[in-house]
PDB file of all heavy atoms in Angstrom:
ATOM      1  N   GLN A   1      80.642  66.642 213.927  1.00  0.00           N
ATOM      2  CA  GLN A   1      79.414  67.352 213.576  1.00  0.00           C
ATOM      3  C   GLN A   1      78.876  68.047 214.823  1.00  0.00           C
ATOM      4  O   GLN A   1      78.894  67.479 215.909  1.00  0.00           O
ATOM      5  CB  GLN A   1      78.354  66.387 213.046  1.00  0.00           C
ATOM      6  CG  GLN A   1      78.641  65.803 211.688  1.00  0.00           C
ATOM      7  CD  GLN A   1      77.493  64.924 211.209  1.00  0.00           C
ATOM      8  OE1 GLN A   1      76.620  64.543 211.975  1.00  0.00           O
ATOM      9  NE2 GLN A   1      77.488  64.605 209.929  1.00  0.00           N
ATOM     10  N   HIS A   2      78.405  69.276 214.644  1.00  0.00           N
ATOM     11  CA  HIS A   2      77.810  70.000 215.764  1.00  0.00           C
ATOM     12  C   HIS A   2      76.459  70.551 215.322  1.00  0.00           C
ATOM     13  O   HIS A   2      76.288  70.960 214.167  1.00  0.00           O
ATOM     14  CB  HIS A   2      78.723  71.135 216.228  1.00  0.00           C
ATOM     15  CG  HIS A   2      79.968  70.661 216.905  1.00  0.00           C
ATOM     16  ND1 HIS A   2      79.960  70.040 218.131  1.00  0.00           N
ATOM     17  CD2 HIS A   2      81.271  70.707 216.522  1.00  0.00           C
ATOM     18  CE1 HIS A   2      81.194  69.733 218.482  1.00  0.00           C
ATOM     19  NE2 HIS A   2      82.005  70.115 217.517  1.00  0.00           N
ATOM     20  N   PHE A   3      75.515  70.551 216.265  1.00  0.00           N
ATOM     21  CA  PHE A   3      74.170  71.059 216.004  1.00  0.00           C
ATOM     22  C   PHE A   3      74.051  72.473 216.560  1.00  0.00           C
ATOM     23  O   PHE A   3      74.394  72.731 217.710  1.00  0.00           O
ATOM     24  CB  PHE A   3      73.126  70.162 216.672  1.00  0.00           C
ATOM     25  CG  PHE A   3      73.107  68.750 216.168  1.00  0.00           C
ATOM     26  CD1 PHE A   3      73.851  67.767 216.802  1.00  0.00           C
ATOM     27  CD2 PHE A   3      72.351  68.402 215.063  1.00  0.00           C
ATOM     28  CE1 PHE A   3      73.829  66.459 216.351  1.00  0.00           C
ATOM     29  CE2 PHE A   3      72.329  67.100 214.605  1.00  0.00           C
ATOM     30  CZ  PHE A   3      73.075  66.128 215.244  1.00  0.00           C
ATOM     31  N   ILE A   4      73.557  73.366 215.740  1.00  0.00           N
ATOM     32  CA  ILE A   4      73.276  74.730 216.175  1.00  0.00           C
ATOM     33  C   ILE A   4      71.862  75.075 215.721  1.00  0.00           C
ATOM     34  O   ILE A   4      71.360  74.529 214.744  1.00  0.00           O
ATOM     35  CB  ILE A   4      74.290  75.745 215.610  1.00  0.00           C
ATOM     36  CG1 ILE A   4      74.277  75.737 214.084  1.00  0.00           C
ATOM     37  CG2 ILE A   4      75.698  75.451 216.117  1.00  0.00           C
ATOM     38  CD1 ILE A   4      75.176  76.786 213.465  1.00  0.00           C
ATOM     39  N   SER A   5      71.202  75.961 216.449  1.00  0.00           N
ATOM     40  CA  SER A   5      69.819  76.293 216.101  1.00  0.00           C
ATOM     41  C   SER A   5      69.541  77.758 216.391  1.00  0.00           C
ATOM     42  O   SER A   5      70.281  78.418 217.129  1.00  0.00           O
ATOM     43  CB  SER A   5      68.834  75.410 216.865  1.00  0.00           C
ATOM     44  OG  SER A   5      68.913  75.655 218.257  1.00  0.00           O
ATOM     45  N   GLN A   6      68.453  78.239 215.812  1.00  0.00           N
ATOM     46  CA  GLN A   6      68.016  79.614 216.020  1.00  0.00           C
ATOM     47  C   GLN A   6      66.502  79.658 215.865  1.00  0.00           C
ATOM     48  O   GLN A   6      65.904  78.867 215.144  1.00  0.00           O
ATOM     49  CB  GLN A   6      68.693  80.559 215.021  1.00  0.00           C
ATOM     50  CG  GLN A   6      68.494  82.033 215.312  1.00  0.00           C
ATOM     51  CD  GLN A   6      68.987  82.435 216.702  1.00  0.00           C
ATOM     52  OE1 GLN A   6      68.241  82.367 217.673  1.00  0.00           O
ATOM     53  NE2 GLN A   6      70.238  82.853 216.790  1.00  0.00           N
ATOM     54  N   GLY A   7      65.897  80.628 216.537  1.00  0.00           N
ATOM     55  CA  GLY A   7      64.445  80.774 216.482  1.00  0.00           C
ATOM     56  C   GLY A   7      63.909  81.203 217.833  1.00  0.00           C
ATOM     57  O   GLY A   7      64.673  81.523 218.749  1.00  0.00           O
ATOM     58  N   PRO A   8      62.565  81.194 217.942  1.00  0.00           N
ATOM     59  CA  PRO A   8      61.600  80.708 216.951  1.00  0.00           C
ATOM     60  C   PRO A   8      61.134  81.791 215.997  1.00  0.00           C
ATOM     61  O   PRO A   8      61.287  82.977 216.249  1.00  0.00           O
ATOM     62  CB  PRO A   8      60.442  80.245 217.835  1.00  0.00           C
ATOM     63  CG  PRO A   8      60.472  81.209 218.985  1.00  0.00           C
ATOM     64  CD  PRO A   8      61.923  81.495 219.230  1.00  0.00           C
ATOM     65  N   LEU A   9      60.554  81.321 214.891  1.00  0.00           N
ATOM     66  CA  LEU A   9      59.834  82.183 213.955  1.00  0.00           C
ATOM     67  C   LEU A   9      58.347  81.993 214.194  1.00  0.00           C
ATOM     68  O   LEU A   9      57.892  80.881 214.484  1.00  0.00           O
ATOM     69  CB  LEU A   9      60.179  81.816 212.505  1.00  0.00           C
ATOM     70  CG  LEU A   9      61.660  81.683 212.154  1.00  0.00           C
ATOM     71  CD1 LEU A   9      61.808  81.274 210.704  1.00  0.00           C
ATOM     72  CD2 LEU A   9      62.390  82.984 212.412  1.00  0.00           C
ATOM     73  N   ARG A  10      57.594  83.050 214.050  1.00  0.00           N
ATOM     74  CA  ARG A  10      56.149  82.986 214.264  1.00  0.00           C
ATOM     75  C   ARG A  10      55.443  83.763 213.161  1.00  0.00           C
ATOM     76  O   ARG A  10      55.857  84.870 212.819  1.00  0.00           O
ATOM     77  CB  ARG A  10      55.796  83.546 215.640  1.00  0.00           C
ATOM     78  CG  ARG A  10      54.342  83.376 216.040  1.00  0.00           C
ATOM     79  CD  ARG A  10      54.129  83.863 217.467  1.00  0.00           C
ATOM     80  NE  ARG A  10      54.845  83.033 218.429  1.00  0.00           N
ATOM     81  CZ  ARG A  10      55.014  83.367 219.699  1.00  0.00           C
ATOM     82  NH1 ARG A  10      54.549  84.524 220.142  1.00  0.00           N
ATOM     83  NH2 ARG A  10      55.655  82.553 220.521  1.00  0.00           N
ATOM     84  N   MET A  11      54.388  83.178 212.614  1.00  0.00           N
ATOM     85  CA  MET A  11      53.658  83.834 211.536  1.00  0.00           C
ATOM     86  C   MET A  11      52.886  85.037 212.078  1.00  0.00           C
ATOM     87  O   MET A  11      52.257  84.964 213.129  1.00  0.00           O
ATOM     88  CB  MET A  11      52.673  82.863 210.876  1.00  0.00           C
ATOM     89  CG  MET A  11      53.338  81.689 210.179  1.00  0.00           C
ATOM     90  SD  MET A  11      54.509  82.187 208.900  1.00  0.00           S
ATOM     91  CE  MET A  11      56.044  81.573 209.617  1.00  0.00           C
ATOM     92  N   LYS A  12      52.961  86.151 211.338  1.00  0.00           N
ATOM     93  CA  LYS A  12      52.224  87.349 211.739  1.00  0.00           C
ATOM     94  C   LYS A  12      50.733  87.113 211.606  1.00  0.00           C
ATOM     95  O   LYS A  12      50.270  86.456 210.677  1.00  0.00           O
ATOM     96  CB  LYS A  12      52.619  88.535 210.851  1.00  0.00           C
ATOM     97  CG  LYS A  12      54.011  89.082 211.108  1.00  0.00           C
ATOM     98  CD  LYS A  12      54.276  90.275 210.211  1.00  0.00           C
ATOM     99  CE  LYS A  12      55.672  90.839 210.433  1.00  0.00           C
ATOM    100  NZ  LYS A  12      55.951  91.971 209.519  1.00  0.00           N
ATOM    101  N   ARG A  13      49.999  87.673 212.551  1.00  0.00           N
ATOM    102  CA  ARG A  13      48.542  87.620 212.448  1.00  0.00           C
ATOM    103  C   ARG A  13      48.068  88.656 211.446  1.00  0.00           C
ATOM    104  O   ARG A  13      48.702  89.697 211.272  1.00  0.00           O
ATOM    105  CB  ARG A  13      47.900  87.893 213.808  1.00  0.00           C
ATOM    106  CG  ARG A  13      48.216  86.823 214.847  1.00  0.00           C
ATOM    107  CD  ARG A  13      47.541  87.133 216.161  1.00  0.00           C
ATOM    108  NE  ARG A  13      47.817  86.108 217.150  1.00  0.00           N
ATOM    109  CZ  ARG A  13      47.360  86.137 218.390  1.00  0.00           C
ATOM    110  NH1 ARG A  13      46.586  87.152 218.789  1.00  0.00           N
ATOM    111  NH2 ARG A  13      47.658  85.172 219.233  1.00  0.00           N
ATOM    112  N   GLN A  14      46.920  88.380 210.814  1.00  0.00           N
ATOM    113  CA  GLN A  14      46.388  89.311 209.821  1.00  0.00           C
ATOM    114  C   GLN A  14      45.971  90.607 210.508  1.00  0.00           C
ATOM    115  O   GLN A  14      45.273  90.605 211.516  1.00  0.00           O
ATOM    116  CB  GLN A  14      45.185  88.687 209.113  1.00  0.00           C
ATOM    117  CG  GLN A  14      44.744  89.465 207.882  1.00  0.00           C
ATOM    118  CD  GLN A  14      43.630  88.731 207.166  1.00  0.00           C
ATOM    119  OE1 GLN A  14      42.843  88.044 207.775  1.00  0.00           O
ATOM    120  NE2 GLN A  14      43.570  88.893 205.850  1.00  0.00           N
ATOM    121  N   SER A  15      46.463  91.706 209.985  1.00  0.00           N
ATOM    122  CA  SER A  15      46.185  93.005 210.597  1.00  0.00           C
ATOM    123  C   SER A  15      44.729  93.390 210.404  1.00  0.00           C
ATOM    124  O   SER A  15      44.065  92.932 209.477  1.00  0.00           O
ATOM    125  CB  SER A  15      47.084  94.083 209.970  1.00  0.00           C
ATOM    126  OG  SER A  15      46.796  94.217 208.594  1.00  0.00           O
ATOM    127  N   PRO A  16      44.200  94.281 211.288  1.00  0.00           N
ATOM    128  CA  PRO A  16      42.801  94.721 211.140  1.00  0.00           C
ATOM    129  C   PRO A  16      42.526  95.365 209.796  1.00  0.00           C
ATOM    130  O   PRO A  16      41.461  95.210 209.227  1.00  0.00           O
ATOM    131  CB  PRO A  16      42.628  95.722 212.283  1.00  0.00           C
ATOM    132  CG  PRO A  16      43.659  95.329 213.294  1.00  0.00           C
ATOM    133  CD  PRO A  16      44.823  94.826 212.504  1.00  0.00           C
ATOM    134  N   GLY A  17      43.535  96.079 209.253  1.00  0.00           N
ATOM    135  CA  GLY A  17      43.340  96.720 207.949  1.00  0.00           C
ATOM    136  C   GLY A  17      43.089  95.709 206.856  1.00  0.00           C
ATOM    137  O   GLY A  17      42.225  95.875 206.012  1.00  0.00           O
ATOM    138  N   ASN A  18      43.849  94.601 206.912  1.00  0.00           N
ATOM    139  CA  ASN A  18      43.651  93.569 205.921  1.00  0.00           C
ATOM    140  C   ASN A  18      42.292  92.908 206.074  1.00  0.00           C
ATOM    141  O   ASN A  18      41.653  92.520 205.125  1.00  0.00           O
ATOM    142  CB  ASN A  18      44.762  92.529 206.039  1.00  0.00           C
ATOM    143  CG  ASN A  18      46.115  93.092 205.649  1.00  0.00           C
ATOM    144  OD1 ASN A  18      46.190  94.079 204.944  1.00  0.00           O
ATOM    145  ND2 ASN A  18      47.182  92.457 206.131  1.00  0.00           N
ATOM    146  N   THR A  19      41.838  92.765 207.350  1.00  0.00           N
ATOM    147  CA  THR A  19      40.526  92.177 207.598  1.00  0.00           C
ATOM    148  C   THR A  19      39.427  93.048 207.023  1.00  0.00           C
ATOM    149  O   THR A  19      38.493  92.567 206.393  1.00  0.00           O
ATOM    150  CB  THR A  19      40.320  91.999 209.109  1.00  0.00           C
ATOM    151  OG1 THR A  19      41.394  91.215 209.631  1.00  0.00           O
ATOM    152  CG2 THR A  19      38.996  91.313 209.395  1.00  0.00           C
ATOM    153  N   ASP A  20      39.532  94.379 207.231  1.00  0.00           N
ATOM    154  CA  ASP A  20      38.535  95.301 206.683  1.00  0.00           C
ATOM    155  C   ASP A  20      38.495  95.219 205.175  1.00  0.00           C
ATOM    156  O   ASP A  20      37.448  95.258 204.548  1.00  0.00           O
ATOM    157  CB  ASP A  20      38.850  96.738 207.128  1.00  0.00           C
ATOM    158  CG  ASP A  20      38.689  96.894 208.638  1.00  0.00           C
ATOM    159  OD1 ASP A  20      38.012  96.031 209.243  1.00  0.00           O
ATOM    160  OD2 ASP A  20      39.239  97.868 209.191  1.00  0.00           O
ATOM    161  N   GLN A  21      39.725  95.110 204.592  1.00  0.00           N
ATOM    162  CA  GLN A  21      39.789  95.055 203.136  1.00  0.00           C
ATOM    163  C   GLN A  21      39.097  93.793 202.630  1.00  0.00           C
ATOM    164  O   GLN A  21      38.379  93.805 201.628  1.00  0.00           O
ATOM    165  CB  GLN A  21      41.255  95.070 202.684  1.00  0.00           C
ATOM    166  CG  GLN A  21      41.409  95.085 201.160  1.00  0.00           C
ATOM    167  CD  GLN A  21      42.878  95.153 200.768  1.00  0.00           C
ATOM    168  OE1 GLN A  21      43.745  95.242 201.621  1.00  0.00           O
ATOM    169  NE2 GLN A  21      43.129  95.109 199.487  1.00  0.00           N
ATOM    170  N   ALA A  22      39.320  92.662 203.380  1.00  0.00           N
ATOM    171  CA  ALA A  22      38.687  91.415 202.977  1.00  0.00           C
ATOM    172  C   ALA A  22      37.180  91.520 203.081  1.00  0.00           C
ATOM    173  O   ALA A  22      36.443  91.058 202.204  1.00  0.00           O
ATOM    174  CB  ALA A  22      39.202  90.262 203.848  1.00  0.00           C
ATOM    175  N   GLU A  23      36.704  92.137 204.209  1.00  0.00           N
ATOM    176  CA  GLU A  23      35.267  92.304 204.374  1.00  0.00           C
ATOM    177  C   GLU A  23      34.700  93.202 203.288  1.00  0.00           C
ATOM    178  O   GLU A  23      33.617  92.974 202.764  1.00  0.00           O
ATOM    179  CB  GLU A  23      34.977  92.868 205.761  1.00  0.00           C
ATOM    180  CG  GLU A  23      35.275  91.894 206.888  1.00  0.00           C
ATOM    181  CD  GLU A  23      35.036  92.525 208.240  1.00  0.00           C
ATOM    182  OE1 GLU A  23      34.776  93.747 208.271  1.00  0.00           O
ATOM    183  OE2 GLU A  23      35.121  91.808 209.257  1.00  0.00           O
ATOM    184  N   SER A  24      35.437  94.266 202.935  1.00  0.00           N
ATOM    185  CA  SER A  24      34.991  95.172 201.881  1.00  0.00           C
ATOM    186  C   SER A  24      34.907  94.456 200.552  1.00  0.00           C
ATOM    187  O   SER A  24      33.962  94.632 199.787  1.00  0.00           O
ATOM    188  CB  SER A  24      35.950  96.365 201.797  1.00  0.00           C
ATOM    189  OG  SER A  24      35.617  97.195 200.713  1.00  0.00           O
ATOM    190  N   SER A  25      35.928  93.599 200.309  1.00  0.00           N
ATOM    191  CA  SER A  25      35.910  92.846 199.063  1.00  0.00           C
ATOM    192  C   SER A  25      34.722  91.911 199.015  1.00  0.00           C
ATOM    193  O   SER A  25      34.046  91.785 198.002  1.00  0.00           O
ATOM    194  CB  SER A  25      37.216  92.058 198.931  1.00  0.00           C
ATOM    195  OG  SER A  25      37.176  91.243 197.803  1.00  0.00           O
ATOM    196  N   SER A  26      34.471  91.248 200.170  1.00  0.00           N
ATOM    197  CA  SER A  26      33.323  90.357 200.229  1.00  0.00           C
ATOM    198  C   SER A  26      32.016  91.118 200.016  1.00  0.00           C
ATOM    199  O   SER A  26      31.112  90.657 199.327  1.00  0.00           O
ATOM    200  CB  SER A  26      33.315  89.639 201.590  1.00  0.00           C
ATOM    201  OG  SER A  26      32.173  88.848 201.711  1.00  0.00           O
ATOM    202  N   LEU A  27      31.942  92.320 200.597  1.00  0.00           N
ATOM    203  CA  LEU A  27      30.740  93.145 200.441  1.00  0.00           C
ATOM    204  C   LEU A  27      30.549  93.550 198.994  1.00  0.00           C
ATOM    205  O   LEU A  27      29.432  93.525 198.470  1.00  0.00           O
ATOM    206  CB  LEU A  27      30.851  94.381 201.349  1.00  0.00           C
ATOM    207  CG  LEU A  27      29.681  95.358 201.301  1.00  0.00           C
ATOM    208  CD1 LEU A  27      28.400  94.674 201.740  1.00  0.00           C
ATOM    209  CD2 LEU A  27      29.979  96.585 202.158  1.00  0.00           C
ATOM    210  N   ASN A  28      31.642  93.889 198.327  1.00  0.00           N
ATOM    211  CA  ASN A  28      31.549  94.286 196.928  1.00  0.00           C
ATOM    212  C   ASN A  28      31.042  93.143 196.061  1.00  0.00           C
ATOM    213  O   ASN A  28      30.244  93.335 195.149  1.00  0.00           O
ATOM    214  CB  ASN A  28      32.912  94.760 196.421  1.00  0.00           C
ATOM    215  CG  ASN A  28      33.322  96.074 197.073  1.00  0.00           C
ATOM    216  OD1 ASN A  28      32.464  96.804 197.562  1.00  0.00           O
ATOM    217  ND2 ASN A  28      34.614  96.352 197.084  1.00  0.00           N
ATOM    218  N   VAL A  29      31.511  91.922 196.367  1.00  0.00           N
ATOM    219  CA  VAL A  29      31.069  90.772 195.601  1.00  0.00           C
ATOM    220  C   VAL A  29      29.583  90.537 195.808  1.00  0.00           C
ATOM    221  O   VAL A  29      28.831  90.310 194.865  1.00  0.00           O
ATOM    222  CB  VAL A  29      31.876  89.519 196.012  1.00  0.00           C
ATOM    223  CG1 VAL A  29      31.277  88.265 195.375  1.00  0.00           C
ATOM    224  CG2 VAL A  29      33.328  89.684 195.606  1.00  0.00           C
ATOM    225  N   ASN A  30      29.135  90.641 197.088  1.00  0.00           N
ATOM    226  CA  ASN A  30      27.711  90.461 197.369  1.00  0.00           C
ATOM    227  C   ASN A  30      26.862  91.520 196.679  1.00  0.00           C
ATOM    228  O   ASN A  30      25.784  91.243 196.151  1.00  0.00           O
ATOM    229  CB  ASN A  30      27.466  90.511 198.881  1.00  0.00           C
ATOM    230  CG  ASN A  30      28.103  89.324 199.586  1.00  0.00           C
ATOM    231  OD1 ASN A  30      28.299  88.290 198.971  1.00  0.00           O
ATOM    232  ND2 ASN A  30      28.445  89.498 200.856  1.00  0.00           N
ATOM    233  N   THR A  31      27.368  92.756 196.719  1.00  0.00           N
ATOM    234  CA  THR A  31      26.647  93.842 196.059  1.00  0.00           C
ATOM    235  C   THR A  31      26.533  93.593 194.564  1.00  0.00           C
ATOM    236  O   THR A  31      25.496  93.833 193.942  1.00  0.00           O
ATOM    237  CB  THR A  31      27.369  95.180 196.311  1.00  0.00           C
ATOM    238  OG1 THR A  31      27.497  95.375 197.706  1.00  0.00           O
ATOM    239  CG2 THR A  31      26.600  96.333 195.700  1.00  0.00           C
ATOM    240  N   LEU A  32      27.611  93.050 193.985  1.00  0.00           N
ATOM    241  CA  LEU A  32      27.616  92.750 192.565  1.00  0.00           C
ATOM    242  C   LEU A  32      26.582  91.685 192.240  1.00  0.00           C
ATOM    243  O   LEU A  32      25.841  91.796 191.266  1.00  0.00           O
ATOM    244  CB  LEU A  32      29.013  92.291 192.135  1.00  0.00           C
ATOM    245  CG  LEU A  32      29.174  91.892 190.671  1.00  0.00           C
ATOM    246  CD1 LEU A  32      28.882  93.078 189.754  1.00  0.00           C
ATOM    247  CD2 LEU A  32      30.571  91.350 190.411  1.00  0.00           C
ATOM    248  N   VAL A  33      26.511  90.641 193.104  1.00  0.00           N
ATOM    249  CA  VAL A  33      25.531  89.585 192.881  1.00  0.00           C
ATOM    250  C   VAL A  33      24.111  90.132 192.979  1.00  0.00           C
ATOM    251  O   VAL A  33      23.262  89.832 192.156  1.00  0.00           O
ATOM    252  CB  VAL A  33      25.748  88.455 193.907  1.00  0.00           C
ATOM    253  CG1 VAL A  33      24.619  87.430 193.819  1.00  0.00           C
ATOM    254  CG2 VAL A  33      27.095  87.789 193.674  1.00  0.00           C
ATOM    255  N   ILE A  34      23.884  90.969 194.001  1.00  0.00           N
ATOM    256  CA  ILE A  34      22.558  91.568 194.160  1.00  0.00           C
ATOM    257  C   ILE A  34      22.217  92.443 192.960  1.00  0.00           C
ATOM    258  O   ILE A  34      21.106  92.426 192.436  1.00  0.00           O
ATOM    259  CB  ILE A  34      22.493  92.384 195.459  1.00  0.00           C
ATOM    260  CG1 ILE A  34      22.609  91.439 196.665  1.00  0.00           C
ATOM    261  CG2 ILE A  34      21.195  93.179 195.550  1.00  0.00           C
ATOM    262  CD1 ILE A  34      22.763  92.174 197.973  1.00  0.00           C
ATOM    263  N   SER A  35      23.176  93.227 192.497  1.00  0.00           N
ATOM    264  CA  SER A  35      22.941  94.111 191.349  1.00  0.00           C
ATOM    265  C   SER A  35      22.632  93.297 190.108  1.00  0.00           C
ATOM    266  O   SER A  35      21.718  93.626 189.346  1.00  0.00           O
ATOM    267  CB  SER A  35      24.171  94.997 191.110  1.00  0.00           C
ATOM    268  OG  SER A  35      24.441  95.790 192.255  1.00  0.00           O
ATOM    269  N   LEU A  36      23.389  92.212 189.905  1.00  0.00           N
ATOM    270  CA  LEU A  36      23.132  91.378 188.741  1.00  0.00           C
ATOM    271  C   LEU A  36      21.755  90.742 188.830  1.00  0.00           C
ATOM    272  O   LEU A  36      21.046  90.616 187.841  1.00  0.00           O
ATOM    273  CB  LEU A  36      24.213  90.303 188.623  1.00  0.00           C
ATOM    274  CG  LEU A  36      25.611  90.798 188.210  1.00  0.00           C
ATOM    275  CD1 LEU A  36      26.602  89.650 188.236  1.00  0.00           C
ATOM    276  CD2 LEU A  36      25.567  91.403 186.810  1.00  0.00           C
ATOM    277  N   SER A  37      21.382  90.330 190.052  1.00  0.00           N
ATOM    278  CA  SER A  37      20.046  89.757 190.230  1.00  0.00           C
ATOM    279  C   SER A  37      18.973  90.774 189.879  1.00  0.00           C
ATOM    280  O   SER A  37      17.971  90.452 189.240  1.00  0.00           O
ATOM    281  CB  SER A  37      19.869  89.290 191.687  1.00  0.00           C
ATOM    282  OG  SER A  37      20.847  88.326 192.010  1.00  0.00           O
ATOM    283  N   GLY A  38      19.209  92.043 190.279  1.00  0.00           N
ATOM    284  CA  GLY A  38      18.256  93.103 189.941  1.00  0.00           C
ATOM    285  C   GLY A  38      18.153  93.302 188.450  1.00  0.00           C
ATOM    286  O   GLY A  38      17.051  93.494 187.904  1.00  0.00           O
ATOM    287  N   VAL A  39      19.279  93.222 187.752  1.00  0.00           N
ATOM    288  CA  VAL A  39      19.262  93.374 186.297  1.00  0.00           C
ATOM    289  C   VAL A  39      18.453  92.261 185.659  1.00  0.00           C
ATOM    290  O   VAL A  39      17.674  92.463 184.723  1.00  0.00           O
ATOM    291  CB  VAL A  39      20.706  93.390 185.755  1.00  0.00           C
ATOM    292  CG1 VAL A  39      20.699  93.316 184.240  1.00  0.00           C
ATOM    293  CG2 VAL A  39      21.414  94.634 186.231  1.00  0.00           C
TER     294      VAL A  39
END
């Protein structure tokens, strides 16, 4: 038996574009809650 290995693998960090999208989504949800409260 012989041991062989390869690596390392590293998880990609979340890109700024994805962060903006998440913030936008969060903003939309908050806006929706505020709008519903107004209704």
